[in-house]
Amino acid sequence: MKSNSLAKQEIGFKVQIKNILESSISNKLIELGFISGQTIEIVFTAPFGDPIAVELNGSVLSLRLEEAATIEVE
């Protein structure tokens, strides 16, 4: 399976987190539960595509595309 960022995924697809790239927000993402092996799904996007809402561990969280781009998935 090819790896790419969460920002490039479509609504309804479930993907598994592969890695969090180092950034100013990476520690916060890890604290929220974005860790390798977790399954996430994009459930909503704003009218212009940014931000997106993802479901992780039963919670729906909002991410800017800039933040989602730091999450590698497969």
PDB file of N, CA and C in Angstrom:
ATOM      1  N   MET A   1       0.840  -1.187   0.000  1.00  0.00           N
ATOM      2  CA  MET A   1       0.000   0.000   0.000  1.00  0.00           C
ATOM      3  C   MET A   1       0.887   1.253   0.000  1.00  0.00           C
ATOM      4  N   LYS A   2       0.597   2.217  -0.843  1.00  0.00           N
ATOM      5  CA  LYS A   2       1.391   3.426  -0.955  1.00  0.00           C
ATOM      6  C   LYS A   2       1.111   4.369   0.218  1.00  0.00           C
ATOM      7  N   SER A   3       2.164   4.972   0.723  1.00  0.00           N
ATOM      8  CA  SER A   3       2.030   5.905   1.840  1.00  0.00           C
ATOM      9  C   SER A   3       1.898   7.332   1.312  1.00  0.00           C
ATOM     10  N   ASN A   4       1.016   8.110   1.924  1.00  0.00           N
ATOM     11  CA  ASN A   4       0.898   9.531   1.608  1.00  0.00           C
ATOM     12  C   ASN A   4       0.282  10.248   2.796  1.00  0.00           C
ATOM     13  N   SER A   5      -0.004  11.529   2.637  1.00  0.00           N
ATOM     14  CA  SER A   5      -0.483  12.299   3.784  1.00  0.00           C
ATOM     15  C   SER A   5      -1.997  12.200   3.959  1.00  0.00           C
ATOM     16  N   LEU A   6      -2.418  12.459   5.166  1.00  0.00           N
ATOM     17  CA  LEU A   6      -3.849  12.469   5.488  1.00  0.00           C
ATOM     18  C   LEU A   6      -4.571  13.548   4.685  1.00  0.00           C
ATOM     19  N   ALA A   7      -3.897  14.634   4.375  1.00  0.00           N
ATOM     20  CA  ALA A   7      -4.513  15.746   3.642  1.00  0.00           C
ATOM     21  C   ALA A   7      -4.964  15.336   2.238  1.00  0.00           C
ATOM     22  N   LYS A   8      -4.403  14.260   1.695  1.00  0.00           N
ATOM     23  CA  LYS A   8      -4.730  13.828   0.333  1.00  0.00           C
ATOM     24  C   LYS A   8      -5.827  12.763   0.281  1.00  0.00           C
ATOM     25  N   GLN A   9      -6.393  12.398   1.423  1.00  0.00           N
ATOM     26  CA  GLN A   9      -7.402  11.344   1.472  1.00  0.00           C
ATOM     27  C   GLN A   9      -8.798  11.905   1.219  1.00  0.00           C
ATOM     28  N   GLU A  10      -9.708  11.034   0.810  1.00  0.00           N
ATOM     29  CA  GLU A  10     -11.083  11.437   0.526  1.00  0.00           C
ATOM     30  C   GLU A  10     -12.016  11.077   1.674  1.00  0.00           C
ATOM     31  N   ILE A  11     -13.170  11.732   1.713  1.00  0.00           N
ATOM     32  CA  ILE A  11     -14.167  11.464   2.749  1.00  0.00           C
ATOM     33  C   ILE A  11     -14.575   9.992   2.703  1.00  0.00           C
ATOM     34  N   GLY A  12     -14.665   9.394   3.879  1.00  0.00           N
ATOM     35  CA  GLY A  12     -15.156   8.027   4.002  1.00  0.00           C
ATOM     36  C   GLY A  12     -14.094   6.956   3.993  1.00  0.00           C
ATOM     37  N   PHE A  13     -12.878   7.273   3.577  1.00  0.00           N
ATOM     38  CA  PHE A  13     -11.825   6.266   3.556  1.00  0.00           C
ATOM     39  C   PHE A  13     -11.193   6.136   4.934  1.00  0.00           C
ATOM     40  N   LYS A  14     -11.000   4.892   5.354  1.00  0.00           N
ATOM     41  CA  LYS A  14     -10.292   4.631   6.607  1.00  0.00           C
ATOM     42  C   LYS A  14      -8.842   4.325   6.266  1.00  0.00           C
ATOM     43  N   VAL A  15      -7.947   4.975   6.980  1.00  0.00           N
ATOM     44  CA  VAL A  15      -6.516   4.787   6.765  1.00  0.00           C
ATOM     45  C   VAL A  15      -5.835   4.578   8.113  1.00  0.00           C
ATOM     46  N   GLN A  16      -4.645   4.047   8.042  1.00  0.00           N
ATOM     47  CA  GLN A  16      -3.871   3.799   9.248  1.00  0.00           C
ATOM     48  C   GLN A  16      -2.696   4.775   9.289  1.00  0.00           C
ATOM     49  N   ILE A  17      -2.450   5.343  10.455  1.00  0.00           N
ATOM     50  CA  ILE A  17      -1.344   6.278  10.612  1.00  0.00           C
ATOM     51  C   ILE A  17      -0.033   5.511  10.542  1.00  0.00           C
ATOM     52  N   LYS A  18       0.864   6.022   9.707  1.00  0.00           N
ATOM     53  CA  LYS A  18       2.189   5.419   9.568  1.00  0.00           C
ATOM     54  C   LYS A  18       3.224   6.206  10.362  1.00  0.00           C
ATOM     55  N   ASN A  19       3.138   7.547  10.294  1.00  0.00           N
ATOM     56  CA  ASN A  19       4.152   8.384  10.915  1.00  0.00           C
ATOM     57  C   ASN A  19       3.618   9.811  11.065  1.00  0.00           C
ATOM     58  N   ILE A  20       4.137  10.531  12.052  1.00  0.00           N
ATOM     59  CA  ILE A  20       3.874  11.959  12.208  1.00  0.00           C
ATOM     60  C   ILE A  20       5.175  12.682  11.903  1.00  0.00           C
ATOM     61  N   LEU A  21       5.164  13.532  10.884  1.00  0.00           N
ATOM     62  CA  LEU A  21       6.369  14.279  10.530  1.00  0.00           C
ATOM     63  C   LEU A  21       6.641  15.356  11.574  1.00  0.00           C
ATOM     64  N   GLU A  22       7.911  15.648  11.792  1.00  0.00           N
ATOM     65  CA  GLU A  22       8.311  16.660  12.768  1.00  0.00           C
ATOM     66  C   GLU A  22       7.822  18.037  12.320  1.00  0.00           C
ATOM     67  N   SER A  23       7.089  18.700  13.195  1.00  0.00           N
ATOM     68  CA  SER A  23       6.584  20.038  12.917  1.00  0.00           C
ATOM     69  C   SER A  23       6.275  20.722  14.241  1.00  0.00           C
ATOM     70  N   SER A  24       5.827  21.967  14.161  1.00  0.00           N
ATOM     71  CA  SER A  24       5.501  22.704  15.385  1.00  0.00           C
ATOM     72  C   SER A  24       4.282  22.115  16.095  1.00  0.00           C
ATOM     73  N   ILE A  25       3.469  21.333  15.381  1.00  0.00           N
ATOM     74  CA  ILE A  25       2.260  20.769  15.972  1.00  0.00           C
ATOM     75  C   ILE A  25       2.361  19.264  16.231  1.00  0.00           C
ATOM     76  N   SER A  26       3.471  18.641  15.892  1.00  0.00           N
ATOM     77  CA  SER A  26       3.571  17.182  15.999  1.00  0.00           C
ATOM     78  C   SER A  26       3.353  16.671  17.430  1.00  0.00           C
ATOM     79  N   ASN A  27       3.881  17.355  18.421  1.00  0.00           N
ATOM     80  CA  ASN A  27       3.679  16.902  19.807  1.00  0.00           C
ATOM     81  C   ASN A  27       2.205  16.965  20.199  1.00  0.00           C
ATOM     82  N   LYS A  28       1.506  18.002  19.778  1.00  0.00           N
ATOM     83  CA  LYS A  28       0.083  18.146  20.090  1.00  0.00           C
ATOM     84  C   LYS A  28      -0.725  17.040  19.414  1.00  0.00           C
ATOM     85  N   LEU A  29      -0.393  16.715  18.158  1.00  0.00           N
ATOM     86  CA  LEU A  29      -1.091  15.635  17.458  1.00  0.00           C
ATOM     87  C   LEU A  29      -0.914  14.312  18.187  1.00  0.00           C
ATOM     88  N   ILE A  30       0.295  14.049  18.656  1.00  0.00           N
ATOM     89  CA  ILE A  30       0.560  12.810  19.399  1.00  0.00           C
ATOM     90  C   ILE A  30      -0.239  12.794  20.700  1.00  0.00           C
ATOM     91  N   GLU A  31      -0.299  13.926  21.402  1.00  0.00           N
ATOM     92  CA  GLU A  31      -1.087  14.022  22.635  1.00  0.00           C
ATOM     93  C   GLU A  31      -2.572  13.757  22.374  1.00  0.00           C
ATOM     94  N   LEU A  32      -3.067  14.150  21.199  1.00  0.00           N
ATOM     95  CA  LEU A  32      -4.472  13.928  20.849  1.00  0.00           C
ATOM     96  C   LEU A  32      -4.747  12.483  20.430  1.00  0.00           C
ATOM     97  N   GLY A  33      -3.699  11.676  20.261  1.00  0.00           N
ATOM     98  CA  GLY A  33      -3.891  10.273  19.915  1.00  0.00           C
ATOM     99  C   GLY A  33      -3.497   9.892  18.509  1.00  0.00           C
ATOM    100  N   PHE A  34      -2.925  10.813  17.762  1.00  0.00           N
ATOM    101  CA  PHE A  34      -2.463  10.515  16.406  1.00  0.00           C
ATOM    102  C   PHE A  34      -1.109   9.808  16.505  1.00  0.00           C
ATOM    103  N   ILE A  35      -1.152   8.494  16.673  1.00  0.00           N
ATOM    104  CA  ILE A  35       0.069   7.702  16.801  1.00  0.00           C
ATOM    105  C   ILE A  35       0.060   6.567  15.780  1.00  0.00           C
ATOM    106  N   SER A  36       1.238   6.082  15.459  1.00  0.00           N
ATOM    107  CA  SER A  36       1.374   5.005  14.479  1.00  0.00           C
ATOM    108  C   SER A  36       0.464   3.840  14.823  1.00  0.00           C
ATOM    109  N   GLY A  37      -0.209   3.320  13.791  1.00  0.00           N
ATOM    110  CA  GLY A  37      -1.082   2.167  13.964  1.00  0.00           C
ATOM    111  C   GLY A  37      -2.540   2.504  14.182  1.00  0.00           C
ATOM    112  N   GLN A  38      -2.855   3.736  14.576  1.00  0.00           N
ATOM    113  CA  GLN A  38      -4.246   4.131  14.797  1.00  0.00           C
ATOM    114  C   GLN A  38      -4.977   4.256  13.461  1.00  0.00           C
ATOM    115  N   THR A  39      -6.240   3.855  13.443  1.00  0.00           N
ATOM    116  CA  THR A  39      -7.069   3.989  12.250  1.00  0.00           C
ATOM    117  C   THR A  39      -7.874   5.276  12.355  1.00  0.00           C
ATOM    118  N   ILE A  40      -7.885   6.052  11.275  1.00  0.00           N
ATOM    119  CA  ILE A  40      -8.650   7.298  11.232  1.00  0.00           C
ATOM    120  C   ILE A  40      -9.452   7.355   9.943  1.00  0.00           C
ATOM    121  N   GLU A  41     -10.513   8.154   9.985  1.00  0.00           N
ATOM    122  CA  GLU A  41     -11.388   8.314   8.830  1.00  0.00           C
ATOM    123  C   GLU A  41     -11.748   9.781   8.678  1.00  0.00           C
ATOM    124  N   ILE A  42     -11.683  10.294   7.452  1.00  0.00           N
ATOM    125  CA  ILE A  42     -12.148  11.654   7.197  1.00  0.00           C
ATOM    126  C   ILE A  42     -13.663  11.603   7.091  1.00  0.00           C
ATOM    127  N   VAL A  43     -14.341  12.378   7.932  1.00  0.00           N
ATOM    128  CA  VAL A  43     -15.806  12.331   7.962  1.00  0.00           C
ATOM    129  C   VAL A  43     -16.465  13.564   7.364  1.00  0.00           C
ATOM    130  N   PHE A  44     -15.790  14.706   7.372  1.00  0.00           N
ATOM    131  CA  PHE A  44     -16.332  15.944   6.802  1.00  0.00           C
ATOM    132  C   PHE A  44     -15.197  16.787   6.240  1.00  0.00           C
ATOM    133  N   THR A  45     -15.557  17.646   5.292  1.00  0.00           N
ATOM    134  CA  THR A  45     -14.639  18.707   4.874  1.00  0.00           C
ATOM    135  C   THR A  45     -15.448  19.996   4.802  1.00  0.00           C
ATOM    136  N   ALA A  46     -14.774  21.104   5.031  1.00  0.00           N
ATOM    137  CA  ALA A  46     -15.424  22.405   4.907  1.00  0.00           C
ATOM    138  C   ALA A  46     -15.724  22.661   3.426  1.00  0.00           C
ATOM    139  N   PRO A  47     -16.605  23.598   3.123  1.00  0.00           N
ATOM    140  CA  PRO A  47     -16.988  23.854   1.726  1.00  0.00           C
ATOM    141  C   PRO A  47     -15.820  24.060   0.763  1.00  0.00           C
ATOM    142  N   PHE A  48     -14.755  24.682   1.205  1.00  0.00           N
ATOM    143  CA  PHE A  48     -13.599  24.883   0.337  1.00  0.00           C
ATOM    144  C   PHE A  48     -12.488  23.870   0.611  1.00  0.00           C
ATOM    145  N   GLY A  49     -12.798  22.810   1.389  1.00  0.00           N
ATOM    146  CA  GLY A  49     -11.847  21.734   1.622  1.00  0.00           C
ATOM    147  C   GLY A  49     -10.952  21.881   2.829  1.00  0.00           C
ATOM    148  N   ASP A  50     -10.974  23.002   3.501  1.00  0.00           N
ATOM    149  CA  ASP A  50     -10.098  23.223   4.649  1.00  0.00           C
ATOM    150  C   ASP A  50     -10.870  24.002   5.701  1.00  0.00           C
ATOM    151  N   PRO A  51     -11.019  23.499   6.917  1.00  0.00           N
ATOM    152  CA  PRO A  51     -10.399  22.313   7.499  1.00  0.00           C
ATOM    153  C   PRO A  51     -11.171  21.024   7.181  1.00  0.00           C
ATOM    154  N   ILE A  52     -10.617  19.920   7.705  1.00  0.00           N
ATOM    155  CA  ILE A  52     -11.277  18.621   7.589  1.00  0.00           C
ATOM    156  C   ILE A  52     -11.603  18.111   8.994  1.00  0.00           C
ATOM    157  N   ALA A  53     -12.573  17.210   9.083  1.00  0.00           N
ATOM    158  CA  ALA A  53     -12.901  16.573  10.361  1.00  0.00           C
ATOM    159  C   ALA A  53     -12.587  15.094  10.219  1.00  0.00           C
ATOM    160  N   VAL A  54     -11.879  14.563  11.212  1.00  0.00           N
ATOM    161  CA  VAL A  54     -11.507  13.154  11.197  1.00  0.00           C
ATOM    162  C   VAL A  54     -12.020  12.472  12.457  1.00  0.00           C
ATOM    163  N   GLU A  55     -12.336  11.196  12.317  1.00  0.00           N
ATOM    164  CA  GLU A  55     -12.735  10.410  13.491  1.00  0.00           C
ATOM    165  C   GLU A  55     -11.542   9.581  13.936  1.00  0.00           C
ATOM    166  N   LEU A  56     -11.229   9.699  15.215  1.00  0.00           N
ATOM    167  CA  LEU A  56     -10.104   8.995  15.820  1.00  0.00           C
ATOM    168  C   LEU A  56     -10.526   8.534  17.206  1.00  0.00           C
ATOM    169  N   ASN A  57     -10.507   7.248  17.439  1.00  0.00           N
ATOM    170  CA  ASN A  57     -10.871   6.684  18.749  1.00  0.00           C
ATOM    171  C   ASN A  57     -12.247   7.141  19.230  1.00  0.00           C
ATOM    172  N   GLY A  58     -13.205   7.246  18.323  1.00  0.00           N
ATOM    173  CA  GLY A  58     -14.560   7.619  18.695  1.00  0.00           C
ATOM    174  C   GLY A  58     -14.808   9.109  18.841  1.00  0.00           C
ATOM    175  N   SER A  59     -13.775   9.925  18.629  1.00  0.00           N
ATOM    176  CA  SER A  59     -13.916  11.377  18.706  1.00  0.00           C
ATOM    177  C   SER A  59     -13.738  11.980  17.321  1.00  0.00           C
ATOM    178  N   VAL A  60     -14.443  13.075  17.065  1.00  0.00           N
ATOM    179  CA  VAL A  60     -14.288  13.794  15.805  1.00  0.00           C
ATOM    180  C   VAL A  60     -13.455  15.042  16.084  1.00  0.00           C
ATOM    181  N   LEU A  61     -12.350  15.156  15.355  1.00  0.00           N
ATOM    182  CA  LEU A  61     -11.413  16.261  15.546  1.00  0.00           C
ATOM    183  C   LEU A  61     -11.256  17.034  14.245  1.00  0.00           C
ATOM    184  N   SER A  62     -11.070  18.331  14.341  1.00  0.00           N
ATOM    185  CA  SER A  62     -10.875  19.178  13.172  1.00  0.00           C
ATOM    186  C   SER A  62      -9.394  19.457  12.983  1.00  0.00           C
ATOM    187  N   LEU A  63      -8.946  19.349  11.734  1.00  0.00           N
ATOM    188  CA  LEU A  63      -7.549  19.628  11.393  1.00  0.00           C
ATOM    189  C   LEU A  63      -7.486  20.527  10.167  1.00  0.00           C
ATOM    190  N   ARG A  64      -6.573  21.470  10.176  1.00  0.00           N
ATOM    191  CA  ARG A  64      -6.289  22.224   8.958  1.00  0.00           C
ATOM    192  C   ARG A  64      -5.534  21.297   8.008  1.00  0.00           C
ATOM    193  N   LEU A  65      -5.636  21.556   6.711  1.00  0.00           N
ATOM    194  CA  LEU A  65      -4.915  20.723   5.745  1.00  0.00           C
ATOM    195  C   LEU A  65      -3.411  20.778   5.987  1.00  0.00           C
ATOM    196  N   GLU A  66      -2.919  21.917   6.420  1.00  0.00           N
ATOM    197  CA  GLU A  66      -1.497  22.078   6.743  1.00  0.00           C
ATOM    198  C   GLU A  66      -1.085  21.091   7.848  1.00  0.00           C
ATOM    199  N   GLU A  67      -1.948  20.902   8.839  1.00  0.00           N
ATOM    200  CA  GLU A  67      -1.677  19.957   9.931  1.00  0.00           C
ATOM    201  C   GLU A  67      -1.824  18.518   9.444  1.00  0.00           C
ATOM    202  N   ALA A  68      -2.865  18.259   8.661  1.00  0.00           N
ATOM    203  CA  ALA A  68      -3.109  16.910   8.143  1.00  0.00           C
ATOM    204  C   ALA A  68      -1.970  16.460   7.239  1.00  0.00           C
ATOM    205  N   ALA A  69      -1.311  17.389   6.579  1.00  0.00           N
ATOM    206  CA  ALA A  69      -0.203  17.048   5.687  1.00  0.00           C
ATOM    207  C   ALA A  69       0.995  16.477   6.430  1.00  0.00           C
ATOM    208  N   THR A  70       1.056  16.690   7.747  1.00  0.00           N
ATOM    209  CA  THR A  70       2.183  16.154   8.532  1.00  0.00           C
ATOM    210  C   THR A  70       1.913  14.729   9.023  1.00  0.00           C
ATOM    211  N   ILE A  71       0.734  14.199   8.717  1.00  0.00           N
ATOM    212  CA  ILE A  71       0.372  12.841   9.154  1.00  0.00           C
ATOM    213  C   ILE A  71       0.472  11.908   7.957  1.00  0.00           C
ATOM    214  N   GLU A  72       1.461  11.023   7.970  1.00  0.00           N
ATOM    215  CA  GLU A  72       1.624  10.047   6.897  1.00  0.00           C
ATOM    216  C   GLU A  72       0.719   8.855   7.183  1.00  0.00           C
ATOM    217  N   VAL A  73      -0.015   8.414   6.164  1.00  0.00           N
ATOM    218  CA  VAL A  73      -0.955   7.297   6.320  1.00  0.00           C
ATOM    219  C   VAL A  73      -0.735   6.268   5.216  1.00  0.00           C
ATOM    220  N   GLU A  74      -1.317   5.086   5.429  1.00  0.00           N
ATOM    221  CA  GLU A  74      -1.296   4.052   4.390  1.00  0.00           C
ATOM    222  C   GLU A  74      -2.603   3.330   4.365  1.00  0.00           C
TER     223      GLU A  74
END
